[in-house]
Amino acid sequence: MFKPLTPQQCDVITAMITNAKLFDGGEVDAARRNGWLEGVDKLSQGEPCPCGMCPSVQLLFDGRPTPESSPRTVLSAEGFNSVVLLFIDDDKPSYLEIAEYGEGGGGMPRAGQLEF
């Protein structure tokens, strides 16, 4: 079962694709970013994180999960009391990880709260 992305999730994913650096600190070329952006409207929510407490969520492309690939592209940013990771497999966003830290956690950050 899947459901549409929330506007906030869509904004965060779009901001991550547009601005985030690779987790290892490297850069991503504009052509790859543009390709990922073109697919955002085909994304929906899949399974939530099994912890049941954080806002991390599997991303479905055309209603289907994207299998993990190697090498995997990981974009990263800092959010409100969280590290935000966008996993991209087979050139499709596949998982939005919100790793919360600090007291109370920040939940899903707004796109404007992300630091790249």
PDB file of N, CA and C in Angstrom:
ATOM      1  N   MET A   1       0.842  -1.185   0.000  1.00  0.00           N
ATOM      2  CA  MET A   1       0.000   0.000   0.000  1.00  0.00           C
ATOM      3  C   MET A   1       0.883   1.242   0.000  1.00  0.00           C
ATOM      4  N   PHE A   2       0.526   2.208  -0.785  1.00  0.00           N
ATOM      5  CA  PHE A   2       1.291   3.442  -0.818  1.00  0.00           C
ATOM      6  C   PHE A   2       0.341   4.625  -0.821  1.00  0.00           C
ATOM      7  N   LYS A   3       0.888   5.771  -0.475  1.00  0.00           N
ATOM      8  CA  LYS A   3       0.095   6.999  -0.501  1.00  0.00           C
ATOM      9  C   LYS A   3       0.958   8.126  -1.047  1.00  0.00           C
ATOM     10  N   PRO A   4       0.333   9.198  -1.508  1.00  0.00           N
ATOM     11  CA  PRO A   4       1.104  10.305  -2.078  1.00  0.00           C
ATOM     12  C   PRO A   4       2.048  10.914  -1.047  1.00  0.00           C
ATOM     13  N   LEU A   5       3.112  11.526  -1.552  1.00  0.00           N
ATOM     14  CA  LEU A   5       3.992  12.290  -0.668  1.00  0.00           C
ATOM     15  C   LEU A   5       3.219  13.471  -0.102  1.00  0.00           C
ATOM     16  N   THR A   6       3.557  13.857   1.111  1.00  0.00           N
ATOM     17  CA  THR A   6       2.998  15.092   1.648  1.00  0.00           C
ATOM     18  C   THR A   6       3.700  16.260   0.951  1.00  0.00           C
ATOM     19  N   PRO A   7       3.091  17.439   0.942  1.00  0.00           N
ATOM     20  CA  PRO A   7       3.786  18.595   0.364  1.00  0.00           C
ATOM     21  C   PRO A   7       5.143  18.838   1.029  1.00  0.00           C
ATOM     22  N   GLN A   8       5.218  18.623   2.341  1.00  0.00           N
ATOM     23  CA  GLN A   8       6.480  18.826   3.057  1.00  0.00           C
ATOM     24  C   GLN A   8       7.534  17.818   2.605  1.00  0.00           C
ATOM     25  N   GLN A   9       7.166  16.557   2.465  1.00  0.00           N
ATOM     26  CA  GLN A   9       8.105  15.543   1.967  1.00  0.00           C
ATOM     27  C   GLN A   9       8.582  15.899   0.562  1.00  0.00           C
ATOM     28  N   CYS A  10       7.665  16.297  -0.289  1.00  0.00           N
ATOM     29  CA  CYS A  10       8.015  16.663  -1.661  1.00  0.00           C
ATOM     30  C   CYS A  10       8.985  17.841  -1.677  1.00  0.00           C
ATOM     31  N   ASP A  11       8.728  18.842  -0.839  1.00  0.00           N
ATOM     32  CA  ASP A  11       9.621  20.005  -0.756  1.00  0.00           C
ATOM     33  C   ASP A  11      11.011  19.609  -0.273  1.00  0.00           C
ATOM     34  N   VAL A  12      11.074  18.739   0.741  1.00  0.00           N
ATOM     35  CA  VAL A  12      12.372  18.299   1.276  1.00  0.00           C
ATOM     36  C   VAL A  12      13.132  17.500   0.218  1.00  0.00           C
ATOM     37  N   ILE A  13      12.460  16.582  -0.452  1.00  0.00           N
ATOM     38  CA  ILE A  13      13.112  15.777  -1.487  1.00  0.00           C
ATOM     39  C   ILE A  13      13.619  16.674  -2.617  1.00  0.00           C
ATOM     40  N   THR A  14      12.800  17.617  -3.044  1.00  0.00           N
ATOM     41  CA  THR A  14      13.207  18.539  -4.108  1.00  0.00           C
ATOM     42  C   THR A  14      14.403  19.376  -3.678  1.00  0.00           C
ATOM     43  N   ALA A  15      14.378  19.889  -2.449  1.00  0.00           N
ATOM     44  CA  ALA A  15      15.507  20.682  -1.941  1.00  0.00           C
ATOM     45  C   ALA A  15      16.771  19.834  -1.841  1.00  0.00           C
ATOM     46  N   MET A  16      16.628  18.590  -1.399  1.00  0.00           N
ATOM     47  CA  MET A  16      17.785  17.702  -1.306  1.00  0.00           C
ATOM     48  C   MET A  16      18.384  17.451  -2.692  1.00  0.00           C
ATOM     49  N   ILE A  17      17.545  17.132  -3.659  1.00  0.00           N
ATOM     50  CA  ILE A  17      18.046  16.867  -5.008  1.00  0.00           C
ATOM     51  C   ILE A  17      18.714  18.110  -5.586  1.00  0.00           C
ATOM     52  N   THR A  18      18.138  19.261  -5.341  1.00  0.00           N
ATOM     53  CA  THR A  18      18.644  20.507  -5.914  1.00  0.00           C
ATOM     54  C   THR A  18      19.945  20.966  -5.270  1.00  0.00           C
ATOM     55  N   ASN A  19      20.085  20.782  -3.930  1.00  0.00           N
ATOM     56  CA  ASN A  19      21.170  21.433  -3.200  1.00  0.00           C
ATOM     57  C   ASN A  19      22.140  20.544  -2.439  1.00  0.00           C
ATOM     58  N   ALA A  20      21.720  19.358  -2.043  1.00  0.00           N
ATOM     59  CA  ALA A  20      22.540  18.560  -1.126  1.00  0.00           C
ATOM     60  C   ALA A  20      23.796  18.023  -1.801  1.00  0.00           C
ATOM     61  N   LYS A  21      24.831  17.898  -0.993  1.00  0.00           N
ATOM     62  CA  LYS A  21      26.079  17.286  -1.455  1.00  0.00           C
ATOM     63  C   LYS A  21      26.009  15.788  -1.196  1.00  0.00           C
ATOM     64  N   LEU A  22      26.905  15.082  -1.840  1.00  0.00           N
ATOM     65  CA  LEU A  22      27.010  13.655  -1.565  1.00  0.00           C
ATOM     66  C   LEU A  22      27.431  13.446  -0.118  1.00  0.00           C
ATOM     67  N   PHE A  23      27.010  12.345   0.467  1.00  0.00           N
ATOM     68  CA  PHE A  23      27.340  12.025   1.853  1.00  0.00           C
ATOM     69  C   PHE A  23      28.844  12.038   2.079  1.00  0.00           C
ATOM     70  N   ASP A  24      29.606  11.632   1.070  1.00  0.00           N
ATOM     71  CA  ASP A  24      31.066  11.616   1.200  1.00  0.00           C
ATOM     72  C   ASP A  24      31.697  12.980   0.909  1.00  0.00           C
ATOM     73  N   GLY A  25      30.864  14.005   0.703  1.00  0.00           N
ATOM     74  CA  GLY A  25      31.360  15.362   0.481  1.00  0.00           C
ATOM     75  C   GLY A  25      31.563  15.727  -0.973  1.00  0.00           C
ATOM     76  N   GLY A  26      31.368  14.802  -1.865  1.00  0.00           N
ATOM     77  CA  GLY A  26      31.563  15.066  -3.287  1.00  0.00           C
ATOM     78  C   GLY A  26      30.439  15.898  -3.889  1.00  0.00           C
ATOM     79  N   GLU A  27      30.589  16.182  -5.146  1.00  0.00           N
ATOM     80  CA  GLU A  27      29.611  16.980  -5.889  1.00  0.00           C
ATOM     81  C   GLU A  27      28.825  16.086  -6.850  1.00  0.00           C
ATOM     82  N   VAL A  28      27.649  16.560  -7.243  1.00  0.00           N
ATOM     83  CA  VAL A  28      26.818  15.864  -8.217  1.00  0.00           C
ATOM     84  C   VAL A  28      26.627  16.799  -9.404  1.00  0.00           C
ATOM     85  N   ASP A  29      26.760  16.268 -10.622  1.00  0.00           N
ATOM     86  CA  ASP A  29      26.611  17.148 -11.782  1.00  0.00           C
ATOM     87  C   ASP A  29      25.139  17.486 -12.030  1.00  0.00           C
ATOM     88  N   ALA A  30      24.923  18.602 -12.709  1.00  0.00           N
ATOM     89  CA  ALA A  30      23.580  19.138 -12.936  1.00  0.00           C
ATOM     90  C   ALA A  30      22.698  18.181 -13.731  1.00  0.00           C
ATOM     91  N   ALA A  31      23.256  17.457 -14.670  1.00  0.00           N
ATOM     92  CA  ALA A  31      22.455  16.535 -15.484  1.00  0.00           C
ATOM     93  C   ALA A  31      21.825  15.442 -14.624  1.00  0.00           C
ATOM     94  N   ARG A  32      22.585  14.904 -13.690  1.00  0.00           N
ATOM     95  CA  ARG A  32      22.027  13.867 -12.796  1.00  0.00           C
ATOM     96  C   ARG A  32      20.937  14.460 -11.914  1.00  0.00           C
ATOM     97  N   ARG A  33      21.210  15.644 -11.355  1.00  0.00           N
ATOM     98  CA  ARG A  33      20.202  16.299 -10.510  1.00  0.00           C
ATOM     99  C   ARG A  33      18.912  16.543 -11.298  1.00  0.00           C
ATOM    100  N   ASN A  34      19.042  17.030 -12.525  1.00  0.00           N
ATOM    101  CA  ASN A  34      17.853  17.293 -13.343  1.00  0.00           C
ATOM    102  C   ASN A  34      17.073  16.017 -13.624  1.00  0.00           C
ATOM    103  N   GLY A  35      17.767  14.925 -13.866  1.00  0.00           N
ATOM    104  CA  GLY A  35      17.094  13.643 -14.077  1.00  0.00           C
ATOM    105  C   GLY A  35      16.309  13.202 -12.850  1.00  0.00           C
ATOM    106  N   TRP A  36      16.910  13.365 -11.675  1.00  0.00           N
ATOM    107  CA  TRP A  36      16.208  12.996 -10.439  1.00  0.00           C
ATOM    108  C   TRP A  36      15.004  13.899 -10.215  1.00  0.00           C
ATOM    109  N   LEU A  37      15.157  15.200 -10.499  1.00  0.00           N
ATOM    110  CA  LEU A  37      14.047  16.140 -10.310  1.00  0.00           C
ATOM    111  C   LEU A  37      12.860  15.792 -11.202  1.00  0.00           C
ATOM    112  N   GLU A  38      13.141  15.353 -12.417  1.00  0.00           N
ATOM    113  CA  GLU A  38      12.060  14.991 -13.340  1.00  0.00           C
ATOM    114  C   GLU A  38      11.216  13.836 -12.812  1.00  0.00           C
ATOM    115  N   GLY A  39      11.780  13.009 -11.939  1.00  0.00           N
ATOM    116  CA  GLY A  39      11.047  11.866 -11.413  1.00  0.00           C
ATOM    117  C   GLY A  39      10.315  12.106 -10.110  1.00  0.00           C
ATOM    118  N   VAL A  40      10.453  13.288  -9.513  1.00  0.00           N
ATOM    119  CA  VAL A  40       9.838  13.536  -8.200  1.00  0.00           C
ATOM    120  C   VAL A  40       8.326  13.355  -8.250  1.00  0.00           C
ATOM    121  N   ASP A  41       7.690  13.765  -9.346  1.00  0.00           N
ATOM    122  CA  ASP A  41       6.231  13.636  -9.433  1.00  0.00           C
ATOM    123  C   ASP A  41       5.771  12.182  -9.538  1.00  0.00           C
ATOM    124  N   LYS A  42       6.699  11.249  -9.744  1.00  0.00           N
ATOM    125  CA  LYS A  42       6.356   9.824  -9.808  1.00  0.00           C
ATOM    126  C   LYS A  42       6.570   9.113  -8.470  1.00  0.00           C
ATOM    127  N   LEU A  43       7.005   9.872  -7.453  1.00  0.00           N
ATOM    128  CA  LEU A  43       7.285   9.281  -6.141  1.00  0.00           C
ATOM    129  C   LEU A  43       6.045   9.254  -5.268  1.00  0.00           C
ATOM    130  N   SER A  44       5.975   8.239  -4.423  1.00  0.00           N
ATOM    131  CA  SER A  44       4.942   8.138  -3.393  1.00  0.00           C
ATOM    132  C   SER A  44       5.576   7.493  -2.164  1.00  0.00           C
ATOM    133  N   GLN A  45       4.817   7.491  -1.070  1.00  0.00           N
ATOM    134  CA  GLN A  45       5.312   6.903   0.175  1.00  0.00           C
ATOM    135  C   GLN A  45       5.115   5.395   0.158  1.00  0.00           C
ATOM    136  N   GLY A  46       6.152   4.689   0.589  1.00  0.00           N
ATOM    137  CA  GLY A  46       6.056   3.254   0.786  1.00  0.00           C
ATOM    138  C   GLY A  46       5.978   2.964   2.279  1.00  0.00           C
ATOM    139  N   GLU A  47       6.769   2.003   2.717  1.00  0.00           N
ATOM    140  CA  GLU A  47       6.771   1.603   4.124  1.00  0.00           C
ATOM    141  C   GLU A  47       7.463   2.656   4.991  1.00  0.00           C
ATOM    142  N   PRO A  48       6.874   2.967   6.146  1.00  0.00           N
ATOM    143  CA  PRO A  48       7.562   3.858   7.085  1.00  0.00           C
ATOM    144  C   PRO A  48       8.703   3.110   7.765  1.00  0.00           C
ATOM    145  N   CYS A  49       9.572   3.856   8.419  1.00  0.00           N
ATOM    146  CA  CYS A  49      10.667   3.256   9.172  1.00  0.00           C
ATOM    147  C   CYS A  49      10.093   2.289  10.208  1.00  0.00           C
ATOM    148  N   PRO A  50      10.694   1.117  10.365  1.00  0.00           N
ATOM    149  CA  PRO A  50      10.175   0.142  11.326  1.00  0.00           C
ATOM    150  C   PRO A  50      10.253   0.598  12.780  1.00  0.00           C
ATOM    151  N   CYS A  51      11.050   1.635  13.078  1.00  0.00           N
ATOM    152  CA  CYS A  51      11.133   2.093  14.469  1.00  0.00           C
ATOM    153  C   CYS A  51       9.802   2.679  14.935  1.00  0.00           C
ATOM    154  N   GLY A  52       9.005   3.177  13.993  1.00  0.00           N
ATOM    155  CA  GLY A  52       7.701   3.725  14.335  1.00  0.00           C
ATOM    156  C   GLY A  52       7.734   5.091  14.993  1.00  0.00           C
ATOM    157  N   MET A  53       8.911   5.672  15.152  1.00  0.00           N
ATOM    158  CA  MET A  53       9.012   6.950  15.855  1.00  0.00           C
ATOM    159  C   MET A  53       9.525   8.087  14.971  1.00  0.00           C
ATOM    160  N   CYS A  54      10.329   7.769  13.975  1.00  0.00           N
ATOM    161  CA  CYS A  54      10.914   8.819  13.133  1.00  0.00           C
ATOM    162  C   CYS A  54      10.096   8.955  11.843  1.00  0.00           C
ATOM    163  N   PRO A  55      10.281  10.055  11.125  1.00  0.00           N
ATOM    164  CA  PRO A  55       9.523  10.263   9.887  1.00  0.00           C
ATOM    165  C   PRO A  55      10.170   9.667   8.632  1.00  0.00           C
ATOM    166  N   SER A  56      11.180   8.809   8.799  1.00  0.00           N
ATOM    167  CA  SER A  56      11.837   8.201   7.639  1.00  0.00           C
ATOM    168  C   SER A  56      10.842   7.333   6.871  1.00  0.00           C
ATOM    169  N   VAL A  57      11.013   7.300   5.541  1.00  0.00           N
ATOM    170  CA  VAL A  57      10.043   6.565   4.727  1.00  0.00           C
ATOM    171  C   VAL A  57      10.695   6.042   3.443  1.00  0.00           C
ATOM    172  N   GLN A  58      10.275   4.848   3.066  1.00  0.00           N
ATOM    173  CA  GLN A  58      10.647   4.282   1.773  1.00  0.00           C
ATOM    174  C   GLN A  58       9.951   5.104   0.693  1.00  0.00           C
ATOM    175  N   LEU A  59      10.621   5.302  -0.420  1.00  0.00           N
ATOM    176  CA  LEU A  59      10.024   6.013  -1.548  1.00  0.00           C
ATOM    177  C   LEU A  59       9.752   5.022  -2.672  1.00  0.00           C
ATOM    178  N   LEU A  60       8.565   5.101  -3.219  1.00  0.00           N
ATOM    179  CA  LEU A  60       8.184   4.249  -4.337  1.00  0.00           C
ATOM    180  C   LEU A  60       8.226   5.071  -5.614  1.00  0.00           C
ATOM    181  N   PHE A  61       8.692   4.467  -6.690  1.00  0.00           N
ATOM    182  CA  PHE A  61       8.734   5.122  -7.998  1.00  0.00           C
ATOM    183  C   PHE A  61       7.697   4.435  -8.869  1.00  0.00           C
ATOM    184  N   ASP A  62       6.712   5.181  -9.341  1.00  0.00           N
ATOM    185  CA  ASP A  62       5.579   4.603 -10.077  1.00  0.00           C
ATOM    186  C   ASP A  62       4.921   3.475  -9.283  1.00  0.00           C
ATOM    187  N   GLY A  63       4.832   3.659  -7.964  1.00  0.00           N
ATOM    188  CA  GLY A  63       4.161   2.692  -7.106  1.00  0.00           C
ATOM    189  C   GLY A  63       4.971   1.462  -6.757  1.00  0.00           C
ATOM    190  N   ARG A  64       6.248   1.434  -7.153  1.00  0.00           N
ATOM    191  CA  ARG A  64       7.075   0.253  -6.902  1.00  0.00           C
ATOM    192  C   ARG A  64       8.351   0.630  -6.164  1.00  0.00           C
ATOM    193  N   PRO A  65       8.798  -0.228  -5.242  1.00  0.00           N
ATOM    194  CA  PRO A  65      10.081   0.037  -4.584  1.00  0.00           C
ATOM    195  C   PRO A  65      11.230  -0.127  -5.577  1.00  0.00           C
ATOM    196  N   THR A  66      12.272   0.634  -5.365  1.00  0.00           N
ATOM    197  CA  THR A  66      13.481   0.519  -6.179  1.00  0.00           C
ATOM    198  C   THR A  66      14.480  -0.330  -5.409  1.00  0.00           C
ATOM    199  N   PRO A  67      14.921  -1.451  -5.964  1.00  0.00           N
ATOM    200  CA  PRO A  67      15.896  -2.287  -5.254  1.00  0.00           C
ATOM    201  C   PRO A  67      17.198  -1.522  -5.012  1.00  0.00           C
ATOM    202  N   GLU A  68      17.842  -1.835  -3.891  1.00  0.00           N
ATOM    203  CA  GLU A  68      19.139  -1.237  -3.580  1.00  0.00           C
ATOM    204  C   GLU A  68      20.122  -1.582  -4.677  1.00  0.00           C
ATOM    205  N   SER A  69      20.900  -0.587  -5.079  1.00  0.00           N
ATOM    206  CA  SER A  69      21.910  -0.828  -6.099  1.00  0.00           C
ATOM    207  C   SER A  69      23.281  -0.479  -5.545  1.00  0.00           C
ATOM    208  N   SER A  70      24.283  -0.874  -6.272  1.00  0.00           N
ATOM    209  CA  SER A  70      25.639  -0.566  -5.861  1.00  0.00           C
ATOM    210  C   SER A  70      26.375  -0.040  -7.078  1.00  0.00           C
ATOM    211  N   PRO A  71      27.033   1.074  -7.027  1.00  0.00           N
ATOM    212  CA  PRO A  71      27.103   1.941  -5.854  1.00  0.00           C
ATOM    213  C   PRO A  71      25.814   2.739  -5.691  1.00  0.00           C
ATOM    214  N   ARG A  72      25.522   3.040  -4.477  1.00  0.00           N
ATOM    215  CA  ARG A  72      24.325   3.777  -4.099  1.00  0.00           C
ATOM    216  C   ARG A  72      24.705   5.242  -3.926  1.00  0.00           C
ATOM    217  N   THR A  73      23.870   6.149  -4.402  1.00  0.00           N
ATOM    218  CA  THR A  73      24.094   7.579  -4.219  1.00  0.00           C
ATOM    219  C   THR A  73      23.360   8.019  -2.963  1.00  0.00           C
ATOM    220  N   VAL A  74      24.058   8.746  -2.094  1.00  0.00           N
ATOM    221  CA  VAL A  74      23.443   9.240  -0.858  1.00  0.00           C
ATOM    222  C   VAL A  74      23.712  10.736  -0.760  1.00  0.00           C
ATOM    223  N   LEU A  75      22.630  11.521  -0.734  1.00  0.00           N
ATOM    224  CA  LEU A  75      22.724  12.963  -0.540  1.00  0.00           C
ATOM    225  C   LEU A  75      22.467  13.264   0.926  1.00  0.00           C
ATOM    226  N   SER A  76      23.153  14.278   1.475  1.00  0.00           N
ATOM    227  CA  SER A  76      22.984  14.566   2.903  1.00  0.00           C
ATOM    228  C   SER A  76      22.851  16.057   3.169  1.00  0.00           C
ATOM    229  N   ALA A  77      22.141  16.349   4.261  1.00  0.00           N
ATOM    230  CA  ALA A  77      21.961  17.716   4.750  1.00  0.00           C
ATOM    231  C   ALA A  77      21.664  17.632   6.237  1.00  0.00           C
ATOM    232  N   GLU A  78      21.732  18.764   6.895  1.00  0.00           N
ATOM    233  CA  GLU A  78      21.328  18.874   8.299  1.00  0.00           C
ATOM    234  C   GLU A  78      19.958  19.536   8.323  1.00  0.00           C
ATOM    235  N   GLY A  79      19.095  19.047   9.192  1.00  0.00           N
ATOM    236  CA  GLY A  79      17.782  19.648   9.380  1.00  0.00           C
ATOM    237  C   GLY A  79      17.644  20.083  10.821  1.00  0.00           C
ATOM    238  N   PHE A  80      16.443  20.444  11.226  1.00  0.00           N
ATOM    239  CA  PHE A  80      16.178  20.840  12.597  1.00  0.00           C
ATOM    240  C   PHE A  80      16.335  19.620  13.497  1.00  0.00           C
ATOM    241  N   ASN A  81      17.445  19.559  14.262  1.00  0.00           N
ATOM    242  CA  ASN A  81      17.754  18.424  15.142  1.00  0.00           C
ATOM    243  C   ASN A  81      17.778  17.084  14.410  1.00  0.00           C
ATOM    244  N   SER A  82      18.256  17.093  13.175  1.00  0.00           N
ATOM    245  CA  SER A  82      18.297  15.834  12.433  1.00  0.00           C
ATOM    246  C   SER A  82      19.327  15.893  11.305  1.00  0.00           C
ATOM    247  N   VAL A  83      19.741  14.707  10.914  1.00  0.00           N
ATOM    248  CA  VAL A  83      20.521  14.535   9.693  1.00  0.00           C
ATOM    249  C   VAL A  83      19.540  13.975   8.669  1.00  0.00           C
ATOM    250  N   VAL A  84      19.541  14.547   7.485  1.00  0.00           N
ATOM    251  CA  VAL A  84      18.620  14.121   6.436  1.00  0.00           C
ATOM    252  C   VAL A  84      19.446  13.460   5.330  1.00  0.00           C
ATOM    253  N   LEU A  85      19.065  12.242   4.975  1.00  0.00           N
ATOM    254  CA  LEU A  85      19.741  11.497   3.915  1.00  0.00           C
ATOM    255  C   LEU A  85      18.708  11.106   2.864  1.00  0.00           C
ATOM    256  N   LEU A  86      19.046  11.334   1.614  1.00  0.00           N
ATOM    257  CA  LEU A  86      18.206  10.875   0.514  1.00  0.00           C
ATOM    258  C   LEU A  86      19.006   9.828  -0.254  1.00  0.00           C
ATOM    259  N   PHE A  87      18.517   8.590  -0.221  1.00  0.00           N
ATOM    260  CA  PHE A  87      19.167   7.480  -0.915  1.00  0.00           C
ATOM    261  C   PHE A  87      18.622   7.406  -2.340  1.00  0.00           C
ATOM    262  N   ILE A  88      19.521   7.228  -3.287  1.00  0.00           N
ATOM    263  CA  ILE A  88      19.141   7.138  -4.694  1.00  0.00           C
ATOM    264  C   ILE A  88      19.743   5.856  -5.256  1.00  0.00           C
ATOM    265  N   ASP A  89      18.865   4.993  -5.745  1.00  0.00           N
ATOM    266  CA  ASP A  89      19.272   3.718  -6.330  1.00  0.00           C
ATOM    267  C   ASP A  89      18.775   3.667  -7.767  1.00  0.00           C
ATOM    268  N   ASP A  90      19.629   3.222  -8.672  1.00  0.00           N
ATOM    269  CA  ASP A  90      19.261   3.111 -10.087  1.00  0.00           C
ATOM    270  C   ASP A  90      18.698   4.442 -10.606  1.00  0.00           C
ATOM    271  N   ASP A  91      19.301   5.540 -10.158  1.00  0.00           N
ATOM    272  CA  ASP A  91      18.904   6.908 -10.526  1.00  0.00           C
ATOM    273  C   ASP A  91      17.468   7.257 -10.145  1.00  0.00           C
ATOM    274  N   LYS A  92      16.947   6.620  -9.083  1.00  0.00           N
ATOM    275  CA  LYS A  92      15.616   6.940  -8.561  1.00  0.00           C
ATOM    276  C   LYS A  92      15.715   7.120  -7.051  1.00  0.00           C
ATOM    277  N   PRO A  93      15.166   8.217  -6.505  1.00  0.00           N
ATOM    278  CA  PRO A  93      15.131   8.350  -5.045  1.00  0.00           C
ATOM    279  C   PRO A  93      14.388   7.152  -4.451  1.00  0.00           C
ATOM    280  N   SER A  94      15.001   6.504  -3.445  1.00  0.00           N
ATOM    281  CA  SER A  94      14.432   5.255  -2.928  1.00  0.00           C
ATOM    282  C   SER A  94      14.122   5.285  -1.432  1.00  0.00           C
ATOM    283  N   TYR A  95      14.750   6.194  -0.681  1.00  0.00           N
ATOM    284  CA  TYR A  95      14.505   6.238   0.762  1.00  0.00           C
ATOM    285  C   TYR A  95      14.858   7.620   1.292  1.00  0.00           C
ATOM    286  N   LEU A  96      13.977   8.173   2.116  1.00  0.00           N
ATOM    287  CA  LEU A  96      14.217   9.447   2.785  1.00  0.00           C
ATOM    288  C   LEU A  96      14.423   9.154   4.265  1.00  0.00           C
ATOM    289  N   GLU A  97      15.650   9.321   4.721  1.00  0.00           N
ATOM    290  CA  GLU A  97      16.029   9.026   6.113  1.00  0.00           C
ATOM    291  C   GLU A  97      16.121  10.330   6.895  1.00  0.00           C
ATOM    292  N   ILE A  98      15.404  10.384   8.004  1.00  0.00           N
ATOM    293  CA  ILE A  98      15.480  11.521   8.920  1.00  0.00           C
ATOM    294  C   ILE A  98      16.014  10.963  10.235  1.00  0.00           C
ATOM    295  N   ALA A  99      17.305  11.128  10.471  1.00  0.00           N
ATOM    296  CA  ALA A  99      17.951  10.617  11.685  1.00  0.00           C
ATOM    297  C   ALA A  99      17.951  11.735  12.725  1.00  0.00           C
ATOM    298  N   GLU A 100      17.019  11.642  13.647  1.00  0.00           N
ATOM    299  CA  GLU A 100      16.844  12.694  14.652  1.00  0.00           C
ATOM    300  C   GLU A 100      17.854  12.549  15.780  1.00  0.00           C
ATOM    301  N   TYR A 101      18.247  13.681  16.346  1.00  0.00           N
ATOM    302  CA  TYR A 101      19.129  13.685  17.509  1.00  0.00           C
ATOM    303  C   TYR A 101      18.713  14.820  18.429  1.00  0.00           C
ATOM    304  N   GLY A 102      19.245  14.795  19.633  1.00  0.00           N
ATOM    305  CA  GLY A 102      18.900  15.840  20.599  1.00  0.00           C
ATOM    306  C   GLY A 102      17.576  15.540  21.271  1.00  0.00           C
ATOM    307  N   GLU A 103      17.222  16.395  22.179  1.00  0.00           N
ATOM    308  CA  GLU A 103      15.992  16.197  22.941  1.00  0.00           C
ATOM    309  C   GLU A 103      14.767  16.469  22.089  1.00  0.00           C
ATOM    310  N   GLY A 104      13.847  15.538  22.137  1.00  0.00           N
ATOM    311  CA  GLY A 104      12.571  15.724  21.471  1.00  0.00           C
ATOM    312  C   GLY A 104      12.564  15.464  19.975  1.00  0.00           C
ATOM    313  N   GLY A 105      13.711  15.452  19.346  1.00  0.00           N
ATOM    314  CA  GLY A 105      13.738  15.258  17.901  1.00  0.00           C
ATOM    315  C   GLY A 105      13.004  16.374  17.187  1.00  0.00           C
ATOM    316  N   GLY A 106      13.278  16.539  15.948  1.00  0.00           N
ATOM    317  CA  GLY A 106      12.671  17.629  15.206  1.00  0.00           C
ATOM    318  C   GLY A 106      11.567  17.208  14.263  1.00  0.00           C
ATOM    319  N   GLY A 107      11.322  15.902  14.121  1.00  0.00           N
ATOM    320  CA  GLY A 107      10.337  15.457  13.151  1.00  0.00           C
ATOM    321  C   GLY A 107      10.822  15.734  11.739  1.00  0.00           C
ATOM    322  N   MET A 108       9.900  15.765  10.808  1.00  0.00           N
ATOM    323  CA  MET A 108      10.245  16.064   9.418  1.00  0.00           C
ATOM    324  C   MET A 108      10.587  17.545   9.314  1.00  0.00           C
ATOM    325  N   PRO A 109      11.834  17.871   8.953  1.00  0.00           N
ATOM    326  CA  PRO A 109      12.183  19.290   8.823  1.00  0.00           C
ATOM    327  C   PRO A 109      11.476  19.902   7.611  1.00  0.00           C
ATOM    328  N   ARG A 110      11.324  21.198   7.636  1.00  0.00           N
ATOM    329  CA  ARG A 110      10.842  21.910   6.455  1.00  0.00           C
ATOM    330  C   ARG A 110      12.041  22.138   5.538  1.00  0.00           C
ATOM    331  N   ALA A 111      11.790  22.274   4.259  1.00  0.00           N
ATOM    332  CA  ALA A 111      12.877  22.468   3.293  1.00  0.00           C
ATOM    333  C   ALA A 111      13.727  23.679   3.660  1.00  0.00           C
ATOM    334  N   GLY A 112      13.110  24.735   4.168  1.00  0.00           N
ATOM    335  CA  GLY A 112      13.836  25.941   4.544  1.00  0.00           C
ATOM    336  C   GLY A 112      14.731  25.765   5.755  1.00  0.00           C
ATOM    337  N   GLN A 113      14.556  24.680   6.505  1.00  0.00           N
ATOM    338  CA  GLN A 113      15.393  24.406   7.675  1.00  0.00           C
ATOM    339  C   GLN A 113      16.641  23.602   7.324  1.00  0.00           C
ATOM    340  N   LEU A 114      16.732  23.117   6.102  1.00  0.00           N
ATOM    341  CA  LEU A 114      17.871  22.291   5.714  1.00  0.00           C
ATOM    342  C   LEU A 114      19.112  23.142   5.511  1.00  0.00           C
ATOM    343  N   GLU A 115      20.234  22.617   5.980  1.00  0.00           N
ATOM    344  CA  GLU A 115      21.537  23.260   5.783  1.00  0.00           C
ATOM    345  C   GLU A 115      22.379  22.333   4.924  1.00  0.00           C
ATOM    346  N   PHE A 116      22.883  22.897   3.823  1.00  0.00           N
ATOM    347  CA  PHE A 116      23.641  22.096   2.853  1.00  0.00           C
ATOM    348  C   PHE A 116      25.115  22.400   2.930  1.00  0.00           C
TER     349      PHE A 116
END
